[in-house]
């Protein structure tokens, strides 16, 4: 059992630092006599987004860019839009503006994503009133990683920004894009899942369209299957063009079919989390263990395993990156944080449903254990 705990630590707990080749000032300064205007775009609602926003604001306060925020007036169940509005109205800064009218969310929907991208690019090139974008999620990073504008962008919570084309290491790289990423995070999670369950056939459902293929981890899964000598069972299904309710039906059916071939399933669907419990219901019924690399919203909805990062630690890096950029550093020249520190999370209710016996010692290596299935009512 001790060996298992040590394996968890070795696979998941990694540290790293942010920096550039030269020491750059992060002291507060105005933008030619005016405040810097910060905008926000997210791929869709995610429990980490609010934590990252709040922690980034706190990090900027520690650097002197704004006065310490009072979060007591922010509702505990606030979504990202409400959090952004609260920051816009309550944060006191002589240097920064978080404008209420500079918030966008694609809501995990392709049509909304396309609309937002056009509107944002139009504003960046016509109004030219935004000095820096916070882009949360791979979709957001992809939508702003373009030479159709030159506004600095911090891409946050994108697991594979390099694979997604958000950052490039050649002469076609975007000088105005910064994306913190860990190139080994998917591989470490696949190895961890294999260690905990010993699966022989790992199943994955994905839509091969450009919008979803990059977040489905197909290449990493193929590589791991060769390394660990397990069979990868891939089921392709077209769902990204459908409304969420219809996509959920298609996906649920696909997962039901996949359970006939796989003894473990990797879940990476991009859809409103309200529908996740319905989508994975047939997986539970067939007693199949699951893992998603996309964190708490998936585990809350019933996925057995995932990992969470530490938003407070990550956001300190983002705050410093913002300060460095506003002091003249090109976003591309801010070295990305190569590795993060992670925490294994488990849904105990799911473990009980699928008759998975959680190793006793593993509980001491995990601090965030979901005891019930958590999902909101569909409106």
Protein backbone atom coordinates (compact mmCIF):
# COMPACT_ATOMS: atom_id res chain seq x y z
CA UNK A 1 0.00 0.00 0.00
CA UNK A 2 2.87 2.36 0.75
CA UNK A 3 4.21 1.70 -2.73
CA UNK A 4 0.86 2.72 -4.24
CA UNK A 5 0.80 5.99 -2.27
CA UNK A 6 4.34 6.78 -3.32
CA UNK A 7 3.42 6.03 -6.92
CA UNK A 8 0.53 8.49 -6.72
CA UNK A 9 2.88 11.15 -5.42
CA UNK A 10 5.54 10.43 -8.02
CA UNK A 11 3.10 10.55 -10.90
CA UNK A 12 1.05 13.58 -9.88
CA UNK A 13 2.99 15.94 -7.61
CA UNK A 14 5.38 18.15 -9.56
CA UNK A 15 6.69 21.68 -8.93
CA UNK A 16 8.02 24.41 -11.24
CA UNK A 17 8.65 28.12 -11.54
CA UNK A 18 7.72 31.05 -13.76
CA UNK A 19 10.34 33.32 -15.22
CA UNK A 20 12.17 34.87 -18.14
CA UNK A 21 15.78 34.87 -19.16
CA UNK A 22 16.24 38.31 -17.60
CA UNK A 23 14.73 39.88 -14.52
CA UNK A 24 11.78 42.03 -15.57
CA UNK A 25 10.01 44.54 -13.34
CA UNK A 26 6.50 43.73 -12.16
CA UNK A 27 5.99 47.09 -10.46
CA UNK A 28 2.65 48.87 -11.06
CA UNK A 29 2.60 51.40 -13.88
CA UNK A 30 0.03 53.12 -16.07
CA UNK A 31 -0.39 52.66 -19.80
CA UNK A 32 0.82 56.03 -21.08
CA UNK A 33 -1.15 57.82 -18.39
CA UNK A 34 -4.29 55.66 -18.47
CA UNK A 35 -5.40 52.47 -16.76
CA UNK A 36 -4.92 49.08 -18.40
CA UNK A 37 -8.17 47.48 -19.57
CA UNK A 38 -8.46 43.69 -18.99
CA UNK A 39 -11.01 41.46 -20.77
CA UNK A 40 -12.21 37.89 -20.16
CA UNK A 41 -13.23 34.97 -22.38
CA UNK A 42 -14.05 31.44 -21.21
CA UNK A 43 -14.86 28.31 -23.19
CA UNK A 44 -17.64 27.52 -20.75
CA UNK A 45 -18.47 27.37 -17.06
CA UNK A 46 -15.90 25.51 -14.96
CA UNK A 47 -15.56 25.45 -11.19
CA UNK A 48 -11.89 26.41 -11.44
CA UNK A 49 -12.56 29.59 -13.41
CA UNK A 50 -13.89 31.59 -10.47
CA UNK A 51 -11.09 30.41 -8.21
CA UNK A 52 -8.52 31.45 -10.81
CA UNK A 53 -10.16 34.86 -11.26
CA UNK A 54 -10.23 35.56 -7.54
CA UNK A 55 -6.72 34.29 -6.96
CA UNK A 56 -5.39 36.32 -9.90
CA UNK A 57 -6.92 39.47 -8.41
CA UNK A 58 -5.38 38.61 -5.04
CA UNK A 59 -2.03 38.03 -6.72
CA UNK A 60 -2.17 41.43 -8.42
CA UNK A 61 -3.01 42.99 -5.05
CA UNK A 62 0.11 41.44 -3.52
CA UNK A 63 2.14 43.00 -6.32
CA UNK A 64 0.60 46.40 -5.61
CA UNK A 65 -1.50 46.75 -8.77
CA UNK A 66 -4.75 47.05 -6.80
CA UNK A 67 -6.04 47.21 -3.25
CA UNK A 68 -6.83 43.88 -1.53
CA UNK A 69 -10.26 42.64 -2.62
CA UNK A 70 -13.10 42.00 -0.19
CA UNK A 71 -14.82 38.82 -1.36
CA UNK A 72 -17.46 38.74 1.38
CA UNK A 73 -20.07 40.27 -0.92
CA UNK A 74 -19.64 37.65 -3.65
CA UNK A 75 -22.21 34.87 -3.45
CA UNK A 76 -20.76 31.43 -2.82
CA UNK A 77 -22.75 30.01 -5.74
CA UNK A 78 -21.73 32.80 -8.14
CA UNK A 79 -20.88 31.87 -11.70
CA UNK A 80 -18.05 33.41 -13.71
CA UNK A 81 -20.24 36.19 -15.10
CA UNK A 82 -21.32 37.23 -11.61
CA UNK A 83 -17.73 37.00 -10.36
CA UNK A 84 -16.49 39.21 -13.20
CA UNK A 85 -19.23 41.77 -12.53
CA UNK A 86 -18.32 41.77 -8.84
CA UNK A 87 -14.65 42.35 -9.65
CA UNK A 88 -15.56 45.11 -12.12
CA UNK A 89 -17.65 46.93 -9.51
CA UNK A 90 -15.65 46.33 -6.34
CA UNK A 91 -11.96 46.08 -7.16
CA UNK A 92 -10.17 49.35 -6.39
CA UNK A 93 -7.13 50.01 -8.57
CA UNK A 94 -5.19 53.03 -9.76
CA UNK A 95 -3.83 50.97 -12.64
CA UNK A 96 -6.33 48.36 -13.84
CA UNK A 97 -9.90 48.14 -15.16
CA UNK A 98 -11.92 44.90 -15.35
CA UNK A 99 -14.69 46.18 -17.63
CA UNK A 100 -18.18 44.66 -17.30
CA UNK A 101 -18.67 44.90 -21.05
CA UNK A 102 -15.47 42.95 -21.73
CA UNK A 103 -16.75 39.50 -20.70
CA UNK A 104 -17.58 36.60 -23.03
CA UNK A 105 -18.45 32.92 -22.51
CA UNK A 106 -18.85 30.35 -25.28
CA UNK A 107 -20.91 28.14 -22.95
CA UNK A 108 -19.45 24.97 -24.51
CA UNK A 109 -21.47 25.67 -27.67
CA UNK A 110 -19.93 26.00 -31.12
CA UNK A 111 -22.39 28.57 -32.43
CA UNK A 112 -21.80 30.78 -29.39
CA UNK A 113 -18.07 30.32 -29.78
CA UNK A 114 -18.11 31.46 -33.41
CA UNK A 115 -20.25 34.48 -32.55
CA UNK A 116 -17.97 35.51 -29.69
CA UNK A 117 -14.84 35.22 -31.80
CA UNK A 118 -16.20 37.53 -34.49
CA UNK A 119 -17.43 40.07 -31.94
CA UNK A 120 -14.14 40.06 -30.01
CA UNK A 121 -11.95 40.43 -33.10
CA UNK A 122 -14.14 43.28 -34.28
CA UNK A 123 -13.76 45.06 -30.94
CA UNK A 124 -10.01 44.48 -30.77
CA UNK A 125 -9.47 45.95 -34.21
CA UNK A 126 -12.11 48.69 -34.19
CA UNK A 127 -12.58 49.97 -30.64
CA UNK A 128 -9.02 49.04 -29.62
CA UNK A 129 -9.93 49.57 -25.97
CA UNK A 130 -8.63 46.26 -24.54
CA UNK A 131 -5.02 45.89 -23.37
CA UNK A 132 -4.97 42.26 -22.24
CA UNK A 133 -7.23 39.20 -22.47
CA UNK A 134 -7.66 36.40 -19.95
CA UNK A 135 -8.66 33.35 -22.03
CA UNK A 136 -9.81 30.38 -19.96
CA UNK A 137 -9.93 27.02 -21.74
CA UNK A 138 -8.54 25.60 -24.99
CA UNK A 139 -11.37 26.94 -27.14
CA UNK A 140 -10.77 30.45 -25.84
CA UNK A 141 -7.04 30.12 -26.40
CA UNK A 142 -7.53 28.90 -29.97
CA UNK A 143 -9.98 31.69 -30.75
CA UNK A 144 -7.54 34.39 -29.64
CA UNK A 145 -4.32 32.73 -30.86
CA UNK A 146 -4.34 34.49 -34.20
CA UNK A 147 -2.43 37.24 -35.93
CA UNK A 148 -5.72 38.97 -36.72
CA UNK A 149 -5.00 41.01 -33.59
CA UNK A 150 -1.97 41.84 -31.43
CA UNK A 151 -3.51 42.26 -27.96
CA UNK A 152 -1.64 40.23 -25.27
CA UNK A 153 -3.48 37.06 -24.26
CA UNK A 154 -2.96 34.85 -21.20
CA UNK A 155 -4.33 31.40 -21.98
CA UNK A 156 -5.36 29.65 -18.76
CA UNK A 157 -6.58 26.08 -18.11
CA UNK A 158 -5.65 24.73 -21.53
CA UNK A 159 -4.21 21.27 -21.02
CA UNK A 160 -2.60 21.01 -24.46
CA UNK A 161 -2.01 24.53 -25.83
CA UNK A 162 0.88 23.32 -27.98
CA UNK A 163 -1.13 20.51 -29.57
CA UNK A 164 -4.03 22.92 -30.02
CA UNK A 165 -1.84 25.35 -31.97
CA UNK A 166 -2.13 28.05 -29.31
CA UNK A 167 1.63 28.24 -28.77
CA UNK A 168 4.28 27.43 -31.35
CA UNK A 169 8.03 27.08 -31.08
CA UNK A 170 8.83 28.12 -34.64
CA UNK A 171 8.90 31.35 -36.60
CA UNK A 172 5.10 31.19 -36.89
CA UNK A 173 4.70 31.57 -33.14
CA UNK A 174 2.39 34.22 -31.73
CA UNK A 175 4.41 36.85 -29.89
CA UNK A 176 1.29 38.14 -28.09
CA UNK A 177 0.23 34.76 -26.61
CA UNK A 178 1.28 33.33 -23.24
CA UNK A 179 0.05 29.90 -22.21
CA UNK A 180 1.12 28.08 -19.09
CA UNK A 181 1.10 24.34 -19.69
CA UNK A 182 2.44 21.00 -18.54
CA UNK A 183 3.34 18.80 -21.54
CA UNK A 184 3.25 15.62 -19.46
CA UNK A 185 0.01 16.07 -17.52
CA UNK A 186 -2.13 13.82 -19.75
CA UNK A 187 0.48 11.07 -19.87
CA UNK A 188 0.85 11.11 -16.08
CA UNK A 189 -2.91 10.77 -15.62
CA UNK A 190 -3.18 7.87 -18.05
CA UNK A 191 -0.41 6.06 -16.19
CA UNK A 192 -2.11 6.81 -12.87
CA UNK A 193 -5.46 5.46 -14.11
CA UNK A 194 -3.75 2.31 -15.34
CA UNK A 195 -1.96 1.91 -12.01
CA UNK A 196 -5.20 2.25 -10.01
CA UNK A 197 -7.42 0.00 -12.11
CA UNK A 198 -5.14 -2.26 -14.18
CA UNK A 199 -7.40 -1.98 -17.23
CA UNK A 200 -6.71 -4.07 -20.34
CA UNK A 201 -8.94 -2.14 -22.75
CA UNK A 202 -9.34 1.62 -22.39
CA UNK A 203 -12.26 3.17 -24.24
CA UNK A 204 -12.69 6.76 -25.44
CA UNK A 205 -15.48 8.53 -27.31
CA UNK A 206 -14.68 11.56 -29.39
CA UNK A 207 -15.89 13.72 -32.23
CA UNK A 208 -13.17 13.88 -34.91
CA UNK A 209 -14.11 17.43 -35.88
CA UNK A 210 -11.43 20.09 -35.46
CA UNK A 211 -13.26 21.64 -32.51
CA UNK A 212 -13.13 18.59 -30.28
CA UNK A 213 -10.37 16.29 -31.49
CA UNK A 214 -7.63 18.35 -29.84
CA UNK A 215 -9.18 18.11 -26.38
CA UNK A 216 -9.84 14.36 -26.60
CA UNK A 217 -6.22 13.32 -25.93
CA UNK A 218 -6.25 10.79 -28.76
CA UNK A 219 -2.55 11.06 -29.60
CA UNK A 220 -1.51 10.77 -25.94
CA UNK A 221 -3.81 7.77 -25.47
CA UNK A 222 -2.36 6.04 -28.52
CA UNK A 223 1.18 6.62 -27.28
CA UNK A 224 0.34 5.38 -23.78
CA UNK A 225 -1.37 2.25 -25.12
CA UNK A 226 1.90 1.27 -26.80
CA UNK A 227 3.96 2.09 -23.71
CA UNK A 228 1.69 0.31 -21.22
CA UNK A 229 0.57 -2.42 -23.63
CA UNK A 230 -3.19 -1.96 -23.31
CA UNK A 231 -5.72 -1.91 -26.11
CA UNK A 232 -7.24 1.46 -26.99
CA UNK A 233 -10.87 1.23 -28.10
CA UNK A 234 -11.86 4.39 -30.00
CA UNK A 235 -15.47 5.21 -30.84
CA UNK A 236 -16.05 8.25 -33.05
CA UNK A 237 -19.36 10.05 -32.94
CA UNK A 238 -20.54 13.37 -34.36
CA UNK A 239 -22.08 15.52 -31.64
CA UNK A 240 -20.40 18.93 -31.55
CA UNK A 241 -22.91 20.44 -34.01
CA UNK A 242 -25.91 19.39 -31.92
CA UNK A 243 -27.70 21.27 -29.12
CA UNK A 244 -26.53 20.01 -25.69
CA UNK A 245 -29.68 17.97 -24.96
CA UNK A 246 -29.47 16.13 -28.29
CA UNK A 247 -25.70 15.69 -28.00
CA UNK A 248 -26.19 14.11 -24.57
CA UNK A 249 -28.48 11.45 -26.04
CA UNK A 250 -26.00 10.63 -28.80
CA UNK A 251 -23.10 10.47 -26.37
CA UNK A 252 -24.95 8.37 -23.81
CA UNK A 253 -25.73 5.82 -26.49
CA UNK A 254 -22.09 5.80 -27.63
CA UNK A 255 -20.80 5.22 -24.12
CA UNK A 256 -23.31 2.43 -23.63
CA UNK A 257 -21.95 0.70 -26.71
CA UNK A 258 -18.36 1.29 -25.62
CA UNK A 259 -18.91 -0.50 -22.30
CA UNK A 260 -19.35 -3.76 -24.26
CA UNK A 261 -15.70 -3.58 -25.37
CA UNK A 262 -13.75 -1.61 -22.74
CA UNK A 263 -13.06 -2.30 -19.07
CA UNK A 264 -12.23 1.37 -18.33
CA UNK A 265 -13.23 4.62 -20.03
CA UNK A 266 -11.47 7.97 -20.57
CA UNK A 267 -14.00 10.82 -20.66
CA UNK A 268 -13.25 14.08 -22.46
CA UNK A 269 -16.56 15.25 -23.93
CA UNK A 270 -17.04 19.00 -24.34
CA UNK A 271 -20.59 19.68 -23.23
CA UNK A 272 -22.57 21.51 -20.56
CA UNK A 273 -21.84 19.74 -17.26
CA UNK A 274 -25.61 19.58 -16.51
CA UNK A 275 -25.80 16.68 -18.96
CA UNK A 276 -22.76 14.74 -17.81
CA UNK A 277 -24.59 12.52 -15.29
CA UNK A 278 -27.02 11.46 -18.02
CA UNK A 279 -24.20 10.80 -20.50
CA UNK A 280 -22.25 8.47 -18.21
CA UNK A 281 -25.25 6.68 -16.72
CA UNK A 282 -24.73 3.55 -18.90
CA UNK A 283 -21.08 3.46 -17.84
CA UNK A 284 -22.13 3.32 -14.20
CA UNK A 285 -24.74 0.67 -14.98
CA UNK A 286 -22.03 -1.54 -16.45
CA UNK A 287 -19.66 -1.04 -13.48
CA UNK A 288 -16.91 0.59 -15.55
CA UNK A 289 -14.29 2.88 -13.88
CA UNK A 290 -13.78 6.28 -15.46
CA UNK A 291 -11.21 9.05 -15.55
CA UNK A 292 -11.38 12.55 -16.97
CA UNK A 293 -8.39 14.89 -17.20
CA UNK A 294 -10.70 17.90 -16.96
CA UNK A 295 -11.11 18.16 -13.23
CA UNK A 296 -13.79 18.78 -10.70
CA UNK A 297 -16.85 19.45 -12.86
CA UNK A 298 -16.50 15.93 -14.30
CA UNK A 299 -15.97 14.27 -10.91
CA UNK A 300 -18.89 16.20 -9.45
CA UNK A 301 -21.05 14.77 -12.24
CA UNK A 302 -20.01 11.18 -11.56
CA UNK A 303 -16.63 10.42 -13.15
CA UNK A 304 -14.62 8.26 -10.74
CA UNK A 305 -11.18 9.92 -10.96
CA UNK A 306 -9.55 13.15 -12.03
CA UNK A 307 -7.03 15.64 -10.70
CA UNK A 308 -7.31 19.24 -9.64
CA UNK A 309 -4.68 21.92 -9.74
CA UNK A 310 -4.13 24.60 -7.12
CA UNK A 311 -5.67 27.83 -8.47
CA UNK A 312 -4.10 30.03 -5.78
CA UNK A 313 -0.61 28.86 -6.74
CA UNK A 314 -1.26 29.04 -10.48
CA UNK A 315 -2.87 32.46 -10.28
CA UNK A 316 0.20 33.89 -8.58
CA UNK A 317 2.04 33.04 -11.77
CA UNK A 318 -0.67 34.66 -13.89
CA UNK A 319 -0.59 37.83 -11.81
CA UNK A 320 3.16 38.04 -12.23
CA UNK A 321 2.86 37.39 -15.98
CA UNK A 322 0.30 40.21 -16.30
CA UNK A 323 2.60 42.57 -14.43
CA UNK A 324 5.59 41.62 -16.58
CA UNK A 325 3.61 42.10 -19.79
CA UNK A 326 2.38 45.52 -18.70
CA UNK A 327 6.02 46.38 -18.00
CA UNK A 328 7.04 45.63 -21.57
CA UNK A 329 7.71 41.88 -21.77
CA UNK A 330 6.35 40.12 -24.86
CA UNK A 331 3.91 37.41 -23.74
CA UNK A 332 5.79 34.85 -25.82
CA UNK A 333 8.95 35.63 -23.84
CA UNK A 334 7.41 34.80 -20.45
CA UNK A 335 8.49 31.21 -19.92
CA UNK A 336 5.52 28.89 -19.36
CA UNK A 337 5.32 26.92 -16.14
CA UNK A 338 6.27 23.48 -17.38
CA UNK A 339 4.72 21.49 -14.52
CA UNK A 340 2.04 22.00 -11.90
CA UNK A 341 1.22 20.44 -8.53
CA UNK A 342 -1.85 18.21 -8.69
CA UNK A 343 -4.24 16.52 -6.30
CA UNK A 344 -6.07 13.29 -7.04
CA UNK A 345 -9.85 13.55 -6.60
CA UNK A 346 -12.30 10.67 -6.26
CA UNK A 347 -16.07 10.38 -6.33
CA UNK A 348 -16.96 7.94 -3.55
CA UNK A 349 -20.58 7.63 -4.64
CA UNK A 350 -19.45 6.50 -8.07
CA UNK A 351 -17.02 4.03 -6.54
CA UNK A 352 -19.91 2.52 -4.58
CA UNK A 353 -22.19 2.38 -7.64
CA UNK A 354 -19.62 0.54 -9.78
CA UNK A 355 -18.32 -1.62 -6.91
CA UNK A 356 -14.82 -0.16 -7.11
CA UNK A 357 -12.97 -0.66 -3.87
CA UNK A 358 -10.81 2.39 -3.22
CA UNK A 359 -7.46 1.30 -1.76
CA UNK A 360 -7.50 2.39 1.89
CA UNK A 361 -4.06 3.97 1.71
CA UNK A 362 -5.04 6.01 -1.33
CA UNK A 363 -7.44 8.08 0.76
CA UNK A 364 -4.48 9.55 2.63
CA UNK A 365 -3.04 10.77 -0.68
CA UNK A 366 -6.22 12.61 -1.67
CA UNK A 367 -7.65 15.62 0.10
CA UNK A 368 -10.67 16.32 -2.10
CA UNK A 369 -13.05 13.35 -2.10
CA UNK A 370 -16.60 13.73 -3.40
CA UNK A 371 -19.04 11.78 -1.27
CA UNK A 372 -22.12 12.29 -3.44
CA UNK A 373 -23.00 12.75 -7.08
CA UNK A 374 -23.39 16.47 -7.61
CA UNK A 375 -25.34 17.98 -10.49
CA UNK A 376 -27.72 20.86 -11.00
CA UNK A 377 -31.28 20.61 -12.20
CA UNK A 378 -31.76 21.28 -15.90
CA UNK A 379 -33.63 24.49 -16.48
